[in-house]
Amino acid sequence: EKKVAELEPRAVVVETISNPLLRVADIAEISKITRAAGAALIVDNTFGTPYLQRPLELGADIVVHSATKYISGHGDLTAGVVAAGPPYAAAVEQLRKLVGGVLGPFEAWLAHRGLKTLPLRMGRQCENAREIASSLASHPKVAKVNHPSLGAHPDHATAGRVLSDTGGLVSFELAAEGREAAFAFLNALQLCVKAPSLGDIYTLAIHPATSSHRELSPSRRERLGVGENLVRLSVGIEHPQDIVSDLEQALDRL
């Protein structure tokens, strides 16, 4: 609140669930701060999807989604969504007309097809993620697990208030230090796919320090908690025990 008052921003951008440490934002409380400061609140709800939260109902002014992820759900298109309430909806629509941001017919069909199964997929992915997070939290070769379902997560209580479920992503730090351990783990996976996207029906695994956060300096990554031994999972809809077994056999090789 103090920082917003000092900076006097025109807009504040937050993620519903942050990447890759999965911190949970209290959109309703943040919206009170931004409104008092006269700033627009833009929420990236890609990780949350409308299944977990509807930020416009909580005070957000604009909501964006990478529809490439959970909304389409099959990793077969690139698309984005911008949703807005008054007074921004008309401006967003006018901008779309001016710059020509129109999705192709086939891509629109794919997104619409995926949207039909969003509740089914997200329900299964959230359930799987809870089971995987619990399993990893007790593994001796895992130092820390990030998932809002866990009592040790700093936003566990917040997630229970603002989300309908705790999400389909899990990140964890290996007990072994360094990227070599993370790479050895990733290369040992047999079922989980090493791929930089998320929200697919298949479980995807990445090394954030050399993918999503590669442009940051090592010191800044460390300050943000994105260490060389951090792995992020986008949990799929496979049987949870199949995923757990694959993770365990990869960990056993370290």
C-alpha atoms as a PDB file:
ATOM      1  CA  GLU A   1       0.000   0.000   0.000  1.00  0.00           C
ATOM      2  CA  LYS A   2       2.808   2.381   0.913  1.00  0.00           C
ATOM      3  CA  LYS A   3       4.709   1.537  -2.278  1.00  0.00           C
ATOM      4  CA  VAL A   4       1.664   2.204  -4.468  1.00  0.00           C
ATOM      5  CA  ALA A   5       1.131   5.557  -2.771  1.00  0.00           C
ATOM      6  CA  GLU A   6       4.790   6.490  -3.326  1.00  0.00           C
ATOM      7  CA  LEU A   7       4.999   5.427  -6.975  1.00  0.00           C
ATOM      8  CA  GLU A   8       1.566   6.747  -8.028  1.00  0.00           C
ATOM      9  CA  PRO A   9       1.269   4.184 -10.856  1.00  0.00           C
ATOM     10  CA  ARG A  10      -1.379   4.348 -13.555  1.00  0.00           C
ATOM     11  CA  ALA A  11      -1.742   0.571 -13.374  1.00  0.00           C
ATOM     12  CA  VAL A  12      -0.748  -2.304 -11.101  1.00  0.00           C
ATOM     13  CA  VAL A  13      -0.254  -5.787 -12.556  1.00  0.00           C
ATOM     14  CA  VAL A  14      -0.496  -8.924 -10.413  1.00  0.00           C
ATOM     15  CA  GLU A  15      -0.793 -12.653 -10.980  1.00  0.00           C
ATOM     16  CA  THR A  16      -3.594 -14.599  -9.319  1.00  0.00           C
ATOM     17  CA  ILE A  17      -1.028 -17.319  -8.577  1.00  0.00           C
ATOM     18  CA  SER A  18       2.581 -16.332  -9.160  1.00  0.00           C
ATOM     19  CA  ASN A  19       5.152 -18.117 -11.293  1.00  0.00           C
ATOM     20  CA  PRO A  20       7.006 -20.194 -10.157  1.00  0.00           C
ATOM     21  CA  LEU A  21       6.643 -19.982  -6.346  1.00  0.00           C
ATOM     22  CA  LEU A  22       2.835 -20.040  -6.473  1.00  0.00           C
ATOM     23  CA  ARG A  23       2.157 -17.133  -4.118  1.00  0.00           C
ATOM     24  CA  VAL A  24      -1.546 -16.253  -3.994  1.00  0.00           C
ATOM     25  CA  ALA A  25      -2.735 -12.659  -4.375  1.00  0.00           C
ATOM     26  CA  ASP A  26      -5.695 -11.307  -2.423  1.00  0.00           C
ATOM     27  CA  ILE A  27      -7.317  -9.487  -5.334  1.00  0.00           C
ATOM     28  CA  ALA A  28     -10.107  -7.931  -3.268  1.00  0.00           C
ATOM     29  CA  GLU A  29      -7.648  -6.337  -0.841  1.00  0.00           C
ATOM     30  CA  ILE A  30      -5.274  -5.229  -3.598  1.00  0.00           C
ATOM     31  CA  SER A  31      -8.157  -3.643  -5.510  1.00  0.00           C
ATOM     32  CA  LYS A  32      -8.959  -1.442  -2.511  1.00  0.00           C
ATOM     33  CA  ILE A  33      -5.384  -0.151  -2.544  1.00  0.00           C
ATOM     34  CA  THR A  34      -5.275   0.491  -6.292  1.00  0.00           C
ATOM     35  CA  ARG A  35      -8.648   2.233  -6.329  1.00  0.00           C
ATOM     36  CA  ALA A  36      -7.578   4.514  -3.495  1.00  0.00           C
ATOM     37  CA  ALA A  37      -4.461   5.369  -5.521  1.00  0.00           C
ATOM     38  CA  GLY A  38      -6.419   5.923  -8.743  1.00  0.00           C
ATOM     39  CA  ALA A  39      -4.634   3.059 -10.510  1.00  0.00           C
ATOM     40  CA  ALA A  40      -6.107   0.363 -12.716  1.00  0.00           C
ATOM     41  CA  LEU A  41      -5.706  -3.199 -11.441  1.00  0.00           C
ATOM     42  CA  ILE A  42      -4.705  -5.680 -14.147  1.00  0.00           C
ATOM     43  CA  VAL A  43      -4.791  -9.340 -13.128  1.00  0.00           C
ATOM     44  CA  ASP A  44      -3.099 -12.165 -15.002  1.00  0.00           C
ATOM     45  CA  ASN A  45      -5.397 -15.087 -14.215  1.00  0.00           C
ATOM     46  CA  THR A  46      -3.632 -17.622 -16.453  1.00  0.00           C
ATOM     47  CA  PHE A  47      -2.718 -19.901 -13.533  1.00  0.00           C
ATOM     48  CA  GLY A  48      -6.076 -19.452 -11.851  1.00  0.00           C
ATOM     49  CA  THR A  49      -8.490 -19.583 -14.788  1.00  0.00           C
ATOM     50  CA  PRO A  50     -12.151 -18.692 -14.223  1.00  0.00           C
ATOM     51  CA  TYR A  51     -12.478 -22.116 -12.581  1.00  0.00           C
ATOM     52  CA  LEU A  52     -10.477 -20.992  -9.545  1.00  0.00           C
ATOM     53  CA  GLN A  53     -11.271 -17.280  -9.476  1.00  0.00           C
ATOM     54  CA  ARG A  54     -13.127 -14.493 -11.309  1.00  0.00           C
ATOM     55  CA  PRO A  55     -11.042 -11.384 -10.583  1.00  0.00           C
ATOM     56  CA  LEU A  56     -13.499  -8.902 -12.131  1.00  0.00           C
ATOM     57  CA  GLU A  57     -15.963  -9.863  -9.405  1.00  0.00           C
ATOM     58  CA  LEU A  58     -13.297  -9.088  -6.790  1.00  0.00           C
ATOM     59  CA  GLY A  59     -12.494  -5.583  -8.003  1.00  0.00           C
ATOM     60  CA  ALA A  60     -10.023  -6.084 -10.852  1.00  0.00           C
ATOM     61  CA  ASP A  61     -10.383  -3.672 -13.779  1.00  0.00           C
ATOM     62  CA  ILE A  62      -8.817  -5.827 -16.494  1.00  0.00           C
ATOM     63  CA  VAL A  63      -8.109  -9.571 -16.567  1.00  0.00           C
ATOM     64  CA  VAL A  64      -5.751 -11.272 -19.002  1.00  0.00           C
ATOM     65  CA  HIS A  65      -5.240 -14.946 -19.774  1.00  0.00           C
ATOM     66  CA  SER A  66      -2.802 -16.851 -21.904  1.00  0.00           C
ATOM     67  CA  ALA A  67      -5.449 -19.060 -23.484  1.00  0.00           C
ATOM     68  CA  THR A  68      -2.579 -21.181 -24.786  1.00  0.00           C
ATOM     69  CA  LYS A  69      -2.451 -22.721 -21.314  1.00  0.00           C
ATOM     70  CA  TYR A  70      -5.371 -24.033 -19.250  1.00  0.00           C
ATOM     71  CA  ILE A  71      -8.205 -22.525 -21.281  1.00  0.00           C
ATOM     72  CA  SER A  72      -7.293 -24.469 -24.425  1.00  0.00           C
ATOM     73  CA  GLY A  73      -5.723 -27.226 -22.354  1.00  0.00           C
ATOM     74  CA  HIS A  74      -4.117 -29.283 -25.102  1.00  0.00           C
ATOM     75  CA  GLY A  75      -0.999 -27.333 -26.074  1.00  0.00           C
ATOM     76  CA  ASP A  76      -2.109 -26.952 -29.672  1.00  0.00           C
ATOM     77  CA  LEU A  77      -2.687 -23.217 -30.160  1.00  0.00           C
ATOM     78  CA  THR A  78      -1.398 -19.779 -29.216  1.00  0.00           C
ATOM     79  CA  ALA A  79      -4.038 -17.329 -28.027  1.00  0.00           C
ATOM     80  CA  GLY A  80      -4.770 -14.677 -25.438  1.00  0.00           C
ATOM     81  CA  VAL A  81      -7.817 -13.212 -23.732  1.00  0.00           C
ATOM     82  CA  VAL A  82      -8.479  -9.741 -22.329  1.00  0.00           C
ATOM     83  CA  ALA A  83     -11.612  -9.228 -20.237  1.00  0.00           C
ATOM     84  CA  ALA A  84     -12.606  -5.881 -18.773  1.00  0.00           C
ATOM     85  CA  GLY A  85     -15.414  -4.152 -16.988  1.00  0.00           C
ATOM     86  CA  PRO A  86     -16.456  -0.496 -17.132  1.00  0.00           C
ATOM     87  CA  PRO A  87     -14.825   1.877 -17.877  1.00  0.00           C
ATOM     88  CA  TYR A  88     -12.147  -0.146 -19.673  1.00  0.00           C
ATOM     89  CA  ALA A  89     -14.178  -2.547 -21.828  1.00  0.00           C
ATOM     90  CA  ALA A  90     -14.881  -0.015 -24.588  1.00  0.00           C
ATOM     91  CA  ALA A  91     -11.229   1.070 -24.719  1.00  0.00           C
ATOM     92  CA  VAL A  92     -10.023  -2.536 -24.952  1.00  0.00           C
ATOM     93  CA  GLU A  93     -12.489  -3.235 -27.749  1.00  0.00           C
ATOM     94  CA  GLN A  94     -11.423  -0.118 -29.637  1.00  0.00           C
ATOM     95  CA  LEU A  95      -7.748  -1.062 -29.314  1.00  0.00           C
ATOM     96  CA  ARG A  96      -8.487  -4.540 -30.642  1.00  0.00           C
ATOM     97  CA  LYS A  97     -10.164  -3.026 -33.686  1.00  0.00           C
ATOM     98  CA  LEU A  98      -7.283  -0.640 -34.321  1.00  0.00           C
ATOM     99  CA  VAL A  99      -4.442  -3.166 -34.048  1.00  0.00           C
ATOM    100  CA  GLY A 100      -6.303  -6.081 -35.616  1.00  0.00           C
ATOM    101  CA  GLY A 101      -5.842  -8.594 -32.820  1.00  0.00           C
ATOM    102  CA  VAL A 102      -8.285 -11.208 -34.073  1.00  0.00           C
ATOM    103  CA  LEU A 103      -7.848 -14.930 -33.487  1.00  0.00           C
ATOM    104  CA  GLY A 104      -7.925 -17.197 -36.534  1.00  0.00           C
ATOM    105  CA  PRO A 105     -11.108 -19.261 -37.032  1.00  0.00           C
ATOM    106  CA  PHE A 106      -9.434 -22.631 -36.421  1.00  0.00           C
ATOM    107  CA  GLU A 107      -7.588 -21.376 -33.334  1.00  0.00           C
ATOM    108  CA  ALA A 108     -10.860 -19.938 -32.024  1.00  0.00           C
ATOM    109  CA  TRP A 109     -12.522 -23.315 -32.558  1.00  0.00           C
ATOM    110  CA  LEU A 110      -9.708 -25.075 -30.686  1.00  0.00           C
ATOM    111  CA  ALA A 111     -10.001 -22.650 -27.764  1.00  0.00           C
ATOM    112  CA  HIS A 112     -13.776 -23.060 -27.671  1.00  0.00           C
ATOM    113  CA  ARG A 113     -13.402 -26.830 -27.726  1.00  0.00           C
ATOM    114  CA  GLY A 114     -10.934 -26.716 -24.844  1.00  0.00           C
ATOM    115  CA  LEU A 115     -13.106 -24.370 -22.805  1.00  0.00           C
ATOM    116  CA  LYS A 116     -15.875 -26.978 -22.722  1.00  0.00           C
ATOM    117  CA  THR A 117     -13.728 -29.349 -20.653  1.00  0.00           C
ATOM    118  CA  LEU A 118     -12.029 -26.718 -18.462  1.00  0.00           C
ATOM    119  CA  PRO A 119     -13.888 -27.665 -15.236  1.00  0.00           C
ATOM    120  CA  LEU A 120     -13.197 -31.366 -15.762  1.00  0.00           C
ATOM    121  CA  ARG A 121      -9.518 -30.844 -16.501  1.00  0.00           C
ATOM    122  CA  MET A 122      -8.890 -28.277 -13.775  1.00  0.00           C
ATOM    123  CA  GLY A 123     -10.659 -30.368 -11.171  1.00  0.00           C
ATOM    124  CA  ARG A 124      -8.469 -33.365 -11.959  1.00  0.00           C
ATOM    125  CA  GLN A 125      -5.288 -31.292 -12.217  1.00  0.00           C
ATOM    126  CA  CYS A 126      -5.898 -29.604  -8.866  1.00  0.00           C
ATOM    127  CA  GLU A 127      -6.590 -32.955  -7.228  1.00  0.00           C
ATOM    128  CA  ASN A 128      -3.456 -34.474  -8.749  1.00  0.00           C
ATOM    129  CA  ALA A 129      -1.350 -31.473  -7.728  1.00  0.00           C
ATOM    130  CA  ARG A 130      -2.447 -31.779  -4.102  1.00  0.00           C
ATOM    131  CA  GLU A 131      -1.466 -35.442  -4.024  1.00  0.00           C
ATOM    132  CA  ILE A 132       1.879 -34.794  -5.719  1.00  0.00           C
ATOM    133  CA  ALA A 133       2.707 -31.865  -3.427  1.00  0.00           C
ATOM    134  CA  SER A 134       1.971 -33.982  -0.374  1.00  0.00           C
ATOM    135  CA  SER A 135       4.134 -36.824  -1.679  1.00  0.00           C
ATOM    136  CA  LEU A 136       7.068 -34.555  -2.543  1.00  0.00           C
ATOM    137  CA  ALA A 137       6.886 -32.793   0.833  1.00  0.00           C
ATOM    138  CA  SER A 138       7.809 -36.036   2.589  1.00  0.00           C
ATOM    139  CA  HIS A 139      10.569 -37.109   0.184  1.00  0.00           C
ATOM    140  CA  PRO A 140      14.102 -36.971   1.639  1.00  0.00           C
ATOM    141  CA  LYS A 141      15.612 -35.644  -1.601  1.00  0.00           C
ATOM    142  CA  VAL A 142      13.247 -32.655  -1.727  1.00  0.00           C
ATOM    143  CA  ALA A 143      14.106 -29.614   0.394  1.00  0.00           C
ATOM    144  CA  LYS A 144      10.943 -27.538  -0.084  1.00  0.00           C
ATOM    145  CA  VAL A 145       7.611 -27.790  -1.906  1.00  0.00           C
ATOM    146  CA  ASN A 146       5.517 -24.836  -3.074  1.00  0.00           C
ATOM    147  CA  HIS A 147       1.787 -25.473  -3.368  1.00  0.00           C
ATOM    148  CA  PRO A 148      -1.066 -23.539  -1.718  1.00  0.00           C
ATOM    149  CA  SER A 149      -2.684 -26.744  -0.432  1.00  0.00           C
ATOM    150  CA  LEU A 150       0.205 -27.313   1.980  1.00  0.00           C
ATOM    151  CA  GLY A 151      -0.116 -25.889   5.470  1.00  0.00           C
ATOM    152  CA  ALA A 152       3.466 -24.607   5.314  1.00  0.00           C
ATOM    153  CA  HIS A 153       2.755 -22.472   2.247  1.00  0.00           C
ATOM    154  CA  PRO A 154       2.774 -18.766   3.214  1.00  0.00           C
ATOM    155  CA  ASP A 155      -0.539 -18.154   1.430  1.00  0.00           C
ATOM    156  CA  HIS A 156      -2.341 -21.332   2.480  1.00  0.00           C
ATOM    157  CA  ALA A 157      -5.008 -19.387   4.382  1.00  0.00           C
ATOM    158  CA  THR A 158      -5.374 -16.788   1.631  1.00  0.00           C
ATOM    159  CA  ALA A 159      -5.862 -19.502  -0.989  1.00  0.00           C
ATOM    160  CA  GLY A 160      -8.640 -21.009   1.102  1.00  0.00           C
ATOM    161  CA  ARG A 161     -10.448 -17.661   1.085  1.00  0.00           C
ATOM    162  CA  VAL A 162      -9.948 -16.437  -2.479  1.00  0.00           C
ATOM    163  CA  LEU A 163      -9.667 -19.574  -4.640  1.00  0.00           C
ATOM    164  CA  SER A 164     -12.151 -22.383  -5.247  1.00  0.00           C
ATOM    165  CA  ASP A 165      -9.221 -24.848  -5.371  1.00  0.00           C
ATOM    166  CA  THR A 166      -5.448 -24.698  -5.024  1.00  0.00           C
ATOM    167  CA  GLY A 167      -4.286 -24.958  -8.637  1.00  0.00           C
ATOM    168  CA  GLY A 168      -2.527 -27.423 -10.881  1.00  0.00           C
ATOM    169  CA  LEU A 169       1.080 -26.239 -10.571  1.00  0.00           C
ATOM    170  CA  VAL A 170       3.672 -27.453  -8.095  1.00  0.00           C
ATOM    171  CA  SER A 171       7.254 -26.267  -7.691  1.00  0.00           C
ATOM    172  CA  PHE A 172       9.923 -27.722  -5.451  1.00  0.00           C
ATOM    173  CA  GLU A 173      13.555 -27.348  -4.484  1.00  0.00           C
ATOM    174  CA  LEU A 174      15.801 -30.376  -4.633  1.00  0.00           C
ATOM    175  CA  ALA A 175      17.918 -31.132  -1.589  1.00  0.00           C
ATOM    176  CA  ALA A 176      20.921 -31.341  -3.916  1.00  0.00           C
ATOM    177  CA  GLU A 177      22.258 -27.921  -4.885  1.00  0.00           C
ATOM    178  CA  GLY A 178      22.939 -26.609  -8.384  1.00  0.00           C
ATOM    179  CA  ARG A 179      21.434 -26.883 -11.831  1.00  0.00           C
ATOM    180  CA  GLU A 180      23.291 -30.130 -12.501  1.00  0.00           C
ATOM    181  CA  ALA A 181      21.035 -31.894  -9.994  1.00  0.00           C
ATOM    182  CA  ALA A 182      17.937 -30.289 -11.526  1.00  0.00           C
ATOM    183  CA  PHE A 183      19.004 -31.323 -15.029  1.00  0.00           C
ATOM    184  CA  ALA A 184      19.768 -34.866 -13.861  1.00  0.00           C
ATOM    185  CA  PHE A 185      16.300 -35.069 -12.330  1.00  0.00           C
ATOM    186  CA  LEU A 186      14.579 -33.726 -15.440  1.00  0.00           C
ATOM    187  CA  ASN A 187      16.532 -36.032 -17.742  1.00  0.00           C
ATOM    188  CA  ALA A 188      15.548 -39.040 -15.632  1.00  0.00           C
ATOM    189  CA  LEU A 189      11.809 -38.410 -16.044  1.00  0.00           C
ATOM    190  CA  GLN A 190      10.019 -40.961 -18.190  1.00  0.00           C
ATOM    191  CA  LEU A 191       6.325 -40.033 -18.059  1.00  0.00           C
ATOM    192  CA  CYS A 192       6.504 -36.311 -17.333  1.00  0.00           C
ATOM    193  CA  VAL A 193       7.434 -34.211 -20.369  1.00  0.00           C
ATOM    194  CA  LYS A 194      10.243 -31.632 -20.294  1.00  0.00           C
ATOM    195  CA  ALA A 195       8.491 -28.650 -21.898  1.00  0.00           C
ATOM    196  CA  PRO A 196       8.267 -24.919 -21.079  1.00  0.00           C
ATOM    197  CA  SER A 197       4.499 -24.445 -21.339  1.00  0.00           C
ATOM    198  CA  LEU A 198       1.806 -25.328 -18.801  1.00  0.00           C
ATOM    199  CA  GLY A 199      -1.860 -26.197 -18.488  1.00  0.00           C
ATOM    200  CA  ASP A 200      -1.627 -29.194 -20.814  1.00  0.00           C
ATOM    201  CA  ILE A 201      -3.346 -32.513 -20.118  1.00  0.00           C
ATOM    202  CA  TYR A 202       0.138 -34.009 -19.812  1.00  0.00           C
ATOM    203  CA  THR A 203       2.421 -33.310 -16.866  1.00  0.00           C
ATOM    204  CA  LEU A 204       5.142 -30.865 -17.926  1.00  0.00           C
ATOM    205  CA  ALA A 205       8.372 -30.142 -16.054  1.00  0.00           C
ATOM    206  CA  ILE A 206      10.765 -27.203 -16.429  1.00  0.00           C
ATOM    207  CA  HIS A 207      13.821 -25.630 -14.811  1.00  0.00           C
ATOM    208  CA  PRO A 208      12.693 -21.999 -14.259  1.00  0.00           C
ATOM    209  CA  ALA A 209      16.218 -20.591 -13.872  1.00  0.00           C
ATOM    210  CA  THR A 210      17.070 -21.548 -17.463  1.00  0.00           C
ATOM    211  CA  SER A 211      13.621 -21.059 -19.006  1.00  0.00           C
ATOM    212  CA  SER A 212      10.977 -18.646 -17.704  1.00  0.00           C
ATOM    213  CA  HIS A 213      13.479 -16.658 -15.589  1.00  0.00           C
ATOM    214  CA  ARG A 214      16.589 -17.019 -17.741  1.00  0.00           C
ATOM    215  CA  GLU A 215      16.727 -13.287 -18.579  1.00  0.00           C
ATOM    216  CA  LEU A 216      17.271 -12.358 -14.928  1.00  0.00           C
ATOM    217  CA  SER A 217      20.704 -12.209 -13.348  1.00  0.00           C
ATOM    218  CA  PRO A 218      21.660 -15.078 -11.011  1.00  0.00           C
ATOM    219  CA  SER A 219      21.644 -12.719  -8.027  1.00  0.00           C
ATOM    220  CA  ARG A 220      18.163 -11.433  -8.814  1.00  0.00           C
ATOM    221  CA  ARG A 221      16.846 -14.960  -9.334  1.00  0.00           C
ATOM    222  CA  GLU A 222      18.196 -15.901  -5.925  1.00  0.00           C
ATOM    223  CA  ARG A 223      16.545 -12.854  -4.329  1.00  0.00           C
ATOM    224  CA  LEU A 224      13.245 -13.897  -5.884  1.00  0.00           C
ATOM    225  CA  GLY A 225      13.637 -17.460  -4.636  1.00  0.00           C
ATOM    226  CA  VAL A 226      14.209 -18.960  -8.080  1.00  0.00           C
ATOM    227  CA  GLY A 227      17.244 -21.073  -7.296  1.00  0.00           C
ATOM    228  CA  GLU A 228      19.223 -23.392  -9.536  1.00  0.00           C
ATOM    229  CA  ASN A 229      17.697 -26.399  -7.773  1.00  0.00           C
ATOM    230  CA  LEU A 230      14.078 -25.320  -8.363  1.00  0.00           C
ATOM    231  CA  VAL A 231      11.811 -27.421 -10.604  1.00  0.00           C
ATOM    232  CA  ARG A 232       8.273 -26.506 -11.684  1.00  0.00           C
ATOM    233  CA  LEU A 233       5.596 -29.023 -12.586  1.00  0.00           C
ATOM    234  CA  SER A 234       2.434 -28.307 -14.538  1.00  0.00           C
ATOM    235  CA  VAL A 235       0.412 -31.294 -13.414  1.00  0.00           C
ATOM    236  CA  GLY A 236      -1.650 -33.137 -16.005  1.00  0.00           C
ATOM    237  CA  ILE A 237      -4.663 -35.425 -15.863  1.00  0.00           C
ATOM    238  CA  GLU A 238      -2.774 -38.718 -15.731  1.00  0.00           C
ATOM    239  CA  HIS A 239      -3.404 -41.083 -12.827  1.00  0.00           C
ATOM    240  CA  PRO A 240      -1.710 -39.390  -9.858  1.00  0.00           C
ATOM    241  CA  GLN A 241       0.187 -42.508  -8.828  1.00  0.00           C
ATOM    242  CA  ASP A 242       1.741 -42.726 -12.290  1.00  0.00           C
ATOM    243  CA  ILE A 243       3.045 -39.169 -11.899  1.00  0.00           C
ATOM    244  CA  VAL A 244       4.267 -39.777  -8.345  1.00  0.00           C
ATOM    245  CA  SER A 245       6.033 -42.978  -9.396  1.00  0.00           C
ATOM    246  CA  ASP A 246       7.834 -41.162 -12.203  1.00  0.00           C
ATOM    247  CA  LEU A 247       8.928 -38.354  -9.895  1.00  0.00           C
ATOM    248  CA  GLU A 248      10.133 -40.823  -7.272  1.00  0.00           C
ATOM    249  CA  GLN A 249      12.186 -42.896  -9.699  1.00  0.00           C
ATOM    250  CA  ALA A 250      13.831 -39.710 -11.019  1.00  0.00           C
ATOM    251  CA  LEU A 251      14.584 -38.522  -7.483  1.00  0.00           C
ATOM    252  CA  ASP A 252      16.025 -41.919  -6.582  1.00  0.00           C
ATOM    253  CA  ARG A 253      18.652 -41.465  -9.307  1.00  0.00           C
ATOM    254  CA  LEU A 254      20.087 -38.338  -7.716  1.00  0.00           C
END
